[in-house]
Amino acid sequence: MRALDEGRAGARVPRIHFSFRSPFSWLGLLRLRELVPDLDDRVRFVPFWDPDPQTDAALAEQDAGFHYVQMSKAKHLYILQDTRRQAARLGVTMRWPIDDDPWWEVPHLAWLAAQRLGRGREFYDEVCAARWERGEDVCVPEAVRAIAGRLGLPAAIADATGDPDIRAEATRCLVAAYHDDIFGIPYFRVGPHRYWGLDRVESFAEALLARADPPAEPRPPVPAGAYDTDTAGGCG
């Protein structure tokens, strides 16, 4: 999974704005991977989440905000029912997680840390399995440490919320989403064309496949310091 990069060249790469909060984001990417097997080579992934006060303040400093509006109880109850329908249609089972005051920075900033280590796809899949298949609360550091352990990743990614460099990258992701007018998830962009929601997955896949094959791209460099990447102790 390729993360957000900056500059005009990066802006031309198709984007997927995803969220660990949204069941439709989870289901949408499951369907996309069926339609576009080399999806990770064709797009940039940009995480999207409800910002905590620290992120909110950082967005305000950059004259950015958050377009998403909290849903009503009626809409939430509809989504509970519709998600189960859509999951059954895709042949997957799910357990609706119980979130007690979720801190969404925890899994999303940990994804950014895993992505820097070249393990974003595996981390993404494991978080989705924990949240949507087992009903776990992935918004606590203990859950992320357990996920990291299963993947052989450094436990320190669970504490990415305390890393100023990761925090800055997270802010850039939400600033990009703000300027892209992202108001819901999943949200897809190919050039000037935008697609929102689970029912636009096929249209996005069609537009994506109509493009020329993407150029090969080296993995992003691993930052020094915060995350130990040697193989001792099972950390890969």
C-alpha atoms as a PDB file:
ATOM      1  CA  MET A   1       0.000   0.000   0.000  1.00  0.00           C
ATOM      2  CA  ARG A   2       1.419   3.343  -1.021  1.00  0.00           C
ATOM      3  CA  ALA A   3       0.829   6.218   1.358  1.00  0.00           C
ATOM      4  CA  LEU A   4       0.266   9.866   0.585  1.00  0.00           C
ATOM      5  CA  ASP A   5       3.117  11.765  -0.989  1.00  0.00           C
ATOM      6  CA  GLU A   6       3.263  15.452  -1.660  1.00  0.00           C
ATOM      7  CA  GLY A   7       3.755  17.568  -4.735  1.00  0.00           C
ATOM      8  CA  ARG A   8       2.120  17.751  -8.137  1.00  0.00           C
ATOM      9  CA  ALA A   9       3.346  14.332  -9.284  1.00  0.00           C
ATOM     10  CA  GLY A  10       1.867  12.686  -6.210  1.00  0.00           C
ATOM     11  CA  ALA A  11      -1.444  14.438  -6.723  1.00  0.00           C
ATOM     12  CA  ARG A  12      -1.817  12.738 -10.121  1.00  0.00           C
ATOM     13  CA  VAL A  13      -1.690   9.259  -8.593  1.00  0.00           C
ATOM     14  CA  PRO A  14      -5.175   7.802  -7.959  1.00  0.00           C
ATOM     15  CA  ARG A  15      -6.146   7.931  -4.304  1.00  0.00           C
ATOM     16  CA  ILE A  16      -8.211   5.874  -1.921  1.00  0.00           C
ATOM     17  CA  HIS A  17      -9.257   7.552   1.293  1.00  0.00           C
ATOM     18  CA  PHE A  18      -9.990   4.753   3.779  1.00  0.00           C
ATOM     19  CA  SER A  19     -10.948   4.503   7.420  1.00  0.00           C
ATOM     20  CA  PHE A  20     -10.821   1.751  10.001  1.00  0.00           C
ATOM     21  CA  ARG A  21     -14.017   3.205  11.429  1.00  0.00           C
ATOM     22  CA  SER A  22     -16.142   2.609   8.333  1.00  0.00           C
ATOM     23  CA  PRO A  23     -17.553  -0.843   7.510  1.00  0.00           C
ATOM     24  CA  PHE A  24     -18.172   0.379   3.968  1.00  0.00           C
ATOM     25  CA  SER A  25     -14.483   1.244   3.634  1.00  0.00           C
ATOM     26  CA  TRP A  26     -13.610  -2.320   4.688  1.00  0.00           C
ATOM     27  CA  LEU A  27     -16.157  -3.882   2.334  1.00  0.00           C
ATOM     28  CA  GLY A  28     -15.284  -1.516  -0.508  1.00  0.00           C
ATOM     29  CA  LEU A  29     -11.597  -2.443  -0.443  1.00  0.00           C
ATOM     30  CA  LEU A  30     -12.436  -6.133  -0.264  1.00  0.00           C
ATOM     31  CA  ARG A  31     -14.439  -5.756  -3.460  1.00  0.00           C
ATOM     32  CA  LEU A  32     -11.799  -3.566  -5.105  1.00  0.00           C
ATOM     33  CA  ARG A  33      -9.100  -6.150  -4.533  1.00  0.00           C
ATOM     34  CA  GLU A  34     -11.245  -8.678  -6.380  1.00  0.00           C
ATOM     35  CA  LEU A  35     -11.678  -6.310  -9.315  1.00  0.00           C
ATOM     36  CA  VAL A  36      -8.140  -4.907  -9.365  1.00  0.00           C
ATOM     37  CA  PRO A  37      -5.641  -7.536  -8.123  1.00  0.00           C
ATOM     38  CA  ASP A  38      -2.699  -5.103  -8.367  1.00  0.00           C
ATOM     39  CA  LEU A  39      -4.601  -2.352  -6.581  1.00  0.00           C
ATOM     40  CA  ASP A  40      -1.722  -1.536  -4.211  1.00  0.00           C
ATOM     41  CA  ASP A  41       0.553  -0.735  -7.164  1.00  0.00           C
ATOM     42  CA  ARG A  42      -1.978   1.595  -8.776  1.00  0.00           C
ATOM     43  CA  VAL A  43      -3.147   3.872  -5.975  1.00  0.00           C
ATOM     44  CA  ARG A  44      -2.127   5.874  -2.945  1.00  0.00           C
ATOM     45  CA  PHE A  45      -3.893   5.138   0.301  1.00  0.00           C
ATOM     46  CA  VAL A  46      -4.776   8.063   2.555  1.00  0.00           C
ATOM     47  CA  PRO A  47      -6.182   7.304   6.021  1.00  0.00           C
ATOM     48  CA  PHE A  48      -9.181   9.300   7.211  1.00  0.00           C
ATOM     49  CA  TRP A  49     -10.519   9.449  10.777  1.00  0.00           C
ATOM     50  CA  ASP A  50     -12.219  11.654  13.340  1.00  0.00           C
ATOM     51  CA  PRO A  51      -9.395  13.869  14.676  1.00  0.00           C
ATOM     52  CA  ASP A  52      -8.595  14.140  18.357  1.00  0.00           C
ATOM     53  CA  PRO A  53      -8.075  17.613  19.914  1.00  0.00           C
ATOM     54  CA  GLN A  54      -4.343  17.622  19.086  1.00  0.00           C
ATOM     55  CA  THR A  55      -4.941  16.799  15.420  1.00  0.00           C
ATOM     56  CA  ASP A  56      -7.876  19.187  15.313  1.00  0.00           C
ATOM     57  CA  ALA A  57      -5.625  22.014  16.507  1.00  0.00           C
ATOM     58  CA  ALA A  58      -2.979  21.097  13.918  1.00  0.00           C
ATOM     59  CA  LEU A  59      -5.617  21.231  11.172  1.00  0.00           C
ATOM     60  CA  ALA A  60      -6.790  24.634  12.351  1.00  0.00           C
ATOM     61  CA  GLU A  61      -3.214  25.933  12.155  1.00  0.00           C
ATOM     62  CA  GLN A  62      -3.241  25.033   8.460  1.00  0.00           C
ATOM     63  CA  ASP A  63      -6.685  26.530   7.814  1.00  0.00           C
ATOM     64  CA  ALA A  64      -8.109  23.060   7.283  1.00  0.00           C
ATOM     65  CA  GLY A  65     -10.984  21.252   8.934  1.00  0.00           C
ATOM     66  CA  PHE A  66     -13.052  18.089   8.789  1.00  0.00           C
ATOM     67  CA  HIS A  67     -16.007  17.794   6.420  1.00  0.00           C
ATOM     68  CA  TYR A  68     -17.516  14.651   7.931  1.00  0.00           C
ATOM     69  CA  VAL A  69     -20.740  15.145   9.926  1.00  0.00           C
ATOM     70  CA  GLN A  70     -21.737  12.716  12.672  1.00  0.00           C
ATOM     71  CA  MET A  71     -24.678  10.529  11.677  1.00  0.00           C
ATOM     72  CA  SER A  72     -28.086  10.377  13.337  1.00  0.00           C
ATOM     73  CA  LYS A  73     -29.276   7.377  15.325  1.00  0.00           C
ATOM     74  CA  ALA A  74     -31.661   6.445  12.505  1.00  0.00           C
ATOM     75  CA  LYS A  75     -28.834   6.386   9.969  1.00  0.00           C
ATOM     76  CA  HIS A  76     -26.643   4.390  12.326  1.00  0.00           C
ATOM     77  CA  LEU A  77     -29.344   1.728  12.745  1.00  0.00           C
ATOM     78  CA  TYR A  78     -29.766   1.541   8.975  1.00  0.00           C
ATOM     79  CA  ILE A  79     -26.024   1.084   8.505  1.00  0.00           C
ATOM     80  CA  LEU A  80     -25.998  -1.748  11.053  1.00  0.00           C
ATOM     81  CA  GLN A  81     -28.547  -3.613   8.936  1.00  0.00           C
ATOM     82  CA  ASP A  82     -27.122  -2.709   5.553  1.00  0.00           C
ATOM     83  CA  THR A  83     -23.569  -3.647   6.508  1.00  0.00           C
ATOM     84  CA  ARG A  84     -24.623  -7.187   7.343  1.00  0.00           C
ATOM     85  CA  ARG A  85     -26.423  -7.429   4.007  1.00  0.00           C
ATOM     86  CA  GLN A  86     -23.389  -6.207   2.087  1.00  0.00           C
ATOM     87  CA  ALA A  87     -20.999  -8.462   4.014  1.00  0.00           C
ATOM     88  CA  ALA A  88     -23.164 -11.493   3.239  1.00  0.00           C
ATOM     89  CA  ARG A  89     -23.240 -10.476  -0.415  1.00  0.00           C
ATOM     90  CA  LEU A  90     -19.421 -10.503  -0.469  1.00  0.00           C
ATOM     91  CA  GLY A  91     -19.304 -13.822   1.354  1.00  0.00           C
ATOM     92  CA  VAL A  92     -17.691 -12.573   4.568  1.00  0.00           C
ATOM     93  CA  THR A  93     -18.870 -12.818   8.150  1.00  0.00           C
ATOM     94  CA  MET A  94     -18.624  -9.897  10.539  1.00  0.00           C
ATOM     95  CA  ARG A  95     -19.078  -8.943  14.159  1.00  0.00           C
ATOM     96  CA  TRP A  96     -20.078  -5.372  14.869  1.00  0.00           C
ATOM     97  CA  PRO A  97     -17.475  -3.926  17.265  1.00  0.00           C
ATOM     98  CA  ILE A  98     -18.383  -2.056  20.427  1.00  0.00           C
ATOM     99  CA  ASP A  99     -16.347   1.162  20.580  1.00  0.00           C
ATOM    100  CA  ASP A 100     -16.104   2.798  23.978  1.00  0.00           C
ATOM    101  CA  ASP A 101     -14.915   6.379  23.392  1.00  0.00           C
ATOM    102  CA  PRO A 102     -12.656   5.370  20.470  1.00  0.00           C
ATOM    103  CA  TRP A 103      -9.359   7.157  19.857  1.00  0.00           C
ATOM    104  CA  TRP A 104      -9.030   6.823  16.108  1.00  0.00           C
ATOM    105  CA  GLU A 105      -5.491   8.168  15.963  1.00  0.00           C
ATOM    106  CA  VAL A 106      -4.236   4.922  17.508  1.00  0.00           C
ATOM    107  CA  PRO A 107      -4.869   2.543  14.569  1.00  0.00           C
ATOM    108  CA  HIS A 108      -4.514   5.125  11.798  1.00  0.00           C
ATOM    109  CA  LEU A 109      -1.192   6.556  12.964  1.00  0.00           C
ATOM    110  CA  ALA A 110       0.022   3.020  13.614  1.00  0.00           C
ATOM    111  CA  TRP A 111      -0.855   2.255   9.977  1.00  0.00           C
ATOM    112  CA  LEU A 112       1.329   5.187   8.904  1.00  0.00           C
ATOM    113  CA  ALA A 113       4.168   3.751  11.004  1.00  0.00           C
ATOM    114  CA  ALA A 114       3.676   0.272   9.524  1.00  0.00           C
ATOM    115  CA  GLN A 115       3.540   1.764   6.050  1.00  0.00           C
ATOM    116  CA  ARG A 116       6.932   3.377   6.576  1.00  0.00           C
ATOM    117  CA  LEU A 117       8.267  -0.100   7.299  1.00  0.00           C
ATOM    118  CA  GLY A 118       6.783  -1.409   4.058  1.00  0.00           C
ATOM    119  CA  ARG A 119       4.091  -3.394   5.923  1.00  0.00           C
ATOM    120  CA  GLY A 120       1.038  -1.195   5.449  1.00  0.00           C
ATOM    121  CA  ARG A 121      -0.988  -3.812   3.551  1.00  0.00           C
ATOM    122  CA  GLU A 122      -0.455  -6.536   6.141  1.00  0.00           C
ATOM    123  CA  PHE A 123      -1.182  -4.182   9.023  1.00  0.00           C
ATOM    124  CA  TYR A 124      -4.318  -2.900   7.305  1.00  0.00           C
ATOM    125  CA  ASP A 125      -5.609  -6.445   6.744  1.00  0.00           C
ATOM    126  CA  GLU A 126      -4.933  -7.461  10.344  1.00  0.00           C
ATOM    127  CA  VAL A 127      -6.654  -4.389  11.810  1.00  0.00           C
ATOM    128  CA  CYS A 128      -9.706  -5.011   9.614  1.00  0.00           C
ATOM    129  CA  ALA A 129      -9.807  -8.663  10.640  1.00  0.00           C
ATOM    130  CA  ALA A 130      -9.586  -7.697  14.308  1.00  0.00           C
ATOM    131  CA  ARG A 131     -12.264  -5.027  14.049  1.00  0.00           C
ATOM    132  CA  TRP A 132     -14.767  -6.404  11.572  1.00  0.00           C
ATOM    133  CA  GLU A 133     -14.354 -10.166  11.850  1.00  0.00           C
ATOM    134  CA  ARG A 134     -13.674 -10.489  15.593  1.00  0.00           C
ATOM    135  CA  GLY A 135     -15.360  -7.334  16.894  1.00  0.00           C
ATOM    136  CA  GLU A 136     -12.273  -6.103  18.766  1.00  0.00           C
ATOM    137  CA  ASP A 137     -11.651  -2.528  19.893  1.00  0.00           C
ATOM    138  CA  VAL A 138      -8.673  -1.509  17.746  1.00  0.00           C
ATOM    139  CA  CYS A 139      -8.515   1.998  19.211  1.00  0.00           C
ATOM    140  CA  VAL A 140      -6.453   1.034  22.249  1.00  0.00           C
ATOM    141  CA  PRO A 141      -2.659   0.646  22.137  1.00  0.00           C
ATOM    142  CA  GLU A 142      -2.870  -2.855  23.650  1.00  0.00           C
ATOM    143  CA  ALA A 143      -4.815  -4.113  20.623  1.00  0.00           C
ATOM    144  CA  VAL A 144      -2.322  -2.557  18.207  1.00  0.00           C
ATOM    145  CA  ARG A 145       0.596  -4.100  20.117  1.00  0.00           C
ATOM    146  CA  ALA A 146      -1.074  -7.496  19.779  1.00  0.00           C
ATOM    147  CA  ILE A 147      -1.522  -6.936  16.037  1.00  0.00           C
ATOM    148  CA  ALA A 148       2.097  -5.827  15.706  1.00  0.00           C
ATOM    149  CA  GLY A 149       3.216  -8.942  17.552  1.00  0.00           C
ATOM    150  CA  ARG A 150       1.279 -11.225  15.214  1.00  0.00           C
ATOM    151  CA  LEU A 151       2.913  -9.535  12.237  1.00  0.00           C
ATOM    152  CA  GLY A 152       6.422  -9.361  13.663  1.00  0.00           C
ATOM    153  CA  LEU A 153       6.301  -5.562  13.695  1.00  0.00           C
ATOM    154  CA  PRO A 154       7.826  -3.370  16.414  1.00  0.00           C
ATOM    155  CA  ALA A 155       5.488  -2.894  19.371  1.00  0.00           C
ATOM    156  CA  ALA A 156       6.409   0.802  19.254  1.00  0.00           C
ATOM    157  CA  ILE A 157       3.980   1.420  16.386  1.00  0.00           C
ATOM    158  CA  ALA A 158       1.201   1.273  18.980  1.00  0.00           C
ATOM    159  CA  ASP A 159       2.641   4.488  20.411  1.00  0.00           C
ATOM    160  CA  ALA A 160       2.803   6.356  17.091  1.00  0.00           C
ATOM    161  CA  THR A 161       0.441   8.978  18.536  1.00  0.00           C
ATOM    162  CA  GLY A 162       3.417  10.247  20.543  1.00  0.00           C
ATOM    163  CA  ASP A 163       5.732  10.551  17.542  1.00  0.00           C
ATOM    164  CA  PRO A 164       5.836  14.175  16.271  1.00  0.00           C
ATOM    165  CA  ASP A 165       6.915  13.123  12.779  1.00  0.00           C
ATOM    166  CA  ILE A 166       4.038  10.628  12.443  1.00  0.00           C
ATOM    167  CA  ARG A 167       1.678  13.241  13.855  1.00  0.00           C
ATOM    168  CA  ALA A 168       2.824  15.692  11.172  1.00  0.00           C
ATOM    169  CA  GLU A 169       2.252  13.108   8.438  1.00  0.00           C
ATOM    170  CA  ALA A 170      -1.182  12.346   9.858  1.00  0.00           C
ATOM    171  CA  THR A 171      -2.066  16.018   9.720  1.00  0.00           C
ATOM    172  CA  ARG A 172      -0.981  16.141   6.065  1.00  0.00           C
ATOM    173  CA  CYS A 173      -3.337  13.248   5.318  1.00  0.00           C
ATOM    174  CA  LEU A 174      -6.334  15.048   6.790  1.00  0.00           C
ATOM    175  CA  VAL A 175      -5.344  18.357   5.204  1.00  0.00           C
ATOM    176  CA  ALA A 176      -5.252  16.571   1.826  1.00  0.00           C
ATOM    177  CA  ALA A 177      -8.673  15.084   2.549  1.00  0.00           C
ATOM    178  CA  TYR A 178     -10.022  18.514   3.469  1.00  0.00           C
ATOM    179  CA  HIS A 179      -8.782  20.092   0.247  1.00  0.00           C
ATOM    180  CA  ASP A 180     -10.079  17.100  -1.734  1.00  0.00           C
ATOM    181  CA  ASP A 181     -13.521  17.825  -0.179  1.00  0.00           C
ATOM    182  CA  ILE A 182     -13.714  14.369   1.370  1.00  0.00           C
ATOM    183  CA  PHE A 183     -17.004  14.146   3.266  1.00  0.00           C
ATOM    184  CA  GLY A 184     -17.491  10.375   3.542  1.00  0.00           C
ATOM    185  CA  ILE A 185     -15.679   7.055   3.285  1.00  0.00           C
ATOM    186  CA  PRO A 186     -14.697   5.206   1.179  1.00  0.00           C
ATOM    187  CA  TYR A 187     -13.770   7.963  -1.240  1.00  0.00           C
ATOM    188  CA  PHE A 188     -11.855   7.411  -4.462  1.00  0.00           C
ATOM    189  CA  ARG A 189     -10.198   9.768  -6.889  1.00  0.00           C
ATOM    190  CA  VAL A 190      -8.789   9.243 -10.381  1.00  0.00           C
ATOM    191  CA  GLY A 191      -7.586  12.521 -11.885  1.00  0.00           C
ATOM    192  CA  PRO A 192     -10.567  14.908 -11.789  1.00  0.00           C
ATOM    193  CA  HIS A 193     -13.055  12.077 -11.264  1.00  0.00           C
ATOM    194  CA  ARG A 194     -14.363  11.348  -7.764  1.00  0.00           C
ATOM    195  CA  TYR A 195     -16.322   8.391  -6.463  1.00  0.00           C
ATOM    196  CA  TRP A 196     -17.918   8.040  -3.052  1.00  0.00           C
ATOM    197  CA  GLY A 197     -19.307   5.011  -1.325  1.00  0.00           C
ATOM    198  CA  LEU A 198     -19.573   1.270  -1.665  1.00  0.00           C
ATOM    199  CA  ASP A 199     -21.880   1.513  -4.668  1.00  0.00           C
ATOM    200  CA  ARG A 200     -19.215   3.382  -6.684  1.00  0.00           C
ATOM    201  CA  VAL A 201     -16.503   0.749  -6.302  1.00  0.00           C
ATOM    202  CA  GLU A 202     -17.121  -0.775  -9.731  1.00  0.00           C
ATOM    203  CA  SER A 203     -17.031   2.640 -11.409  1.00  0.00           C
ATOM    204  CA  PHE A 204     -13.756   3.491  -9.717  1.00  0.00           C
ATOM    205  CA  ALA A 205     -12.259   0.122 -10.686  1.00  0.00           C
ATOM    206  CA  GLU A 206     -13.283   0.671 -14.295  1.00  0.00           C
ATOM    207  CA  ALA A 207     -11.663   4.123 -14.360  1.00  0.00           C
ATOM    208  CA  LEU A 208      -8.549   2.785 -12.660  1.00  0.00           C
ATOM    209  CA  LEU A 209      -8.118  -0.096 -15.091  1.00  0.00           C
ATOM    210  CA  ALA A 210      -8.560   2.247 -18.048  1.00  0.00           C
ATOM    211  CA  ARG A 211      -5.328   4.026 -17.081  1.00  0.00           C
ATOM    212  CA  ALA A 212      -1.890   2.951 -18.259  1.00  0.00           C
ATOM    213  CA  ASP A 213      -0.056   0.504 -16.028  1.00  0.00           C
ATOM    214  CA  PRO A 214       1.577   2.357 -13.118  1.00  0.00           C
ATOM    215  CA  PRO A 215       5.361   2.716 -13.070  1.00  0.00           C
ATOM    216  CA  ALA A 216       7.301   0.647 -10.605  1.00  0.00           C
ATOM    217  CA  GLU A 217       8.080   2.576  -7.453  1.00  0.00           C
ATOM    218  CA  PRO A 218      10.636   1.806  -4.729  1.00  0.00           C
ATOM    219  CA  ARG A 219       9.460   1.338  -1.178  1.00  0.00           C
ATOM    220  CA  PRO A 220       9.526   4.489   0.970  1.00  0.00           C
ATOM    221  CA  PRO A 221      12.694   4.934   3.046  1.00  0.00           C
ATOM    222  CA  VAL A 222      12.552   3.735   6.619  1.00  0.00           C
ATOM    223  CA  PRO A 223      12.970   6.633   9.062  1.00  0.00           C
ATOM    224  CA  ALA A 224      15.762   6.429  11.589  1.00  0.00           C
ATOM    225  CA  GLY A 225      15.062   6.258  15.260  1.00  0.00           C
ATOM    226  CA  ALA A 226      11.558   5.492  16.403  1.00  0.00           C
ATOM    227  CA  TYR A 227      11.019   2.039  14.930  1.00  0.00           C
ATOM    228  CA  ASP A 228      13.525  -0.787  15.266  1.00  0.00           C
ATOM    229  CA  THR A 229      13.583  -2.770  12.030  1.00  0.00           C
ATOM    230  CA  ASP A 230      16.145  -5.482  12.756  1.00  0.00           C
ATOM    231  CA  THR A 231      15.166  -9.120  12.975  1.00  0.00           C
ATOM    232  CA  ALA A 232      16.188  -9.772  16.564  1.00  0.00           C
ATOM    233  CA  GLY A 233      13.374 -10.854  18.869  1.00  0.00           C
ATOM    234  CA  GLY A 234      10.986 -11.553  15.995  1.00  0.00           C
ATOM    235  CA  CYS A 235      10.742  -7.962  14.765  1.00  0.00           C
ATOM    236  CA  GLY A 236      10.864  -7.912  10.971  1.00  0.00           C
END
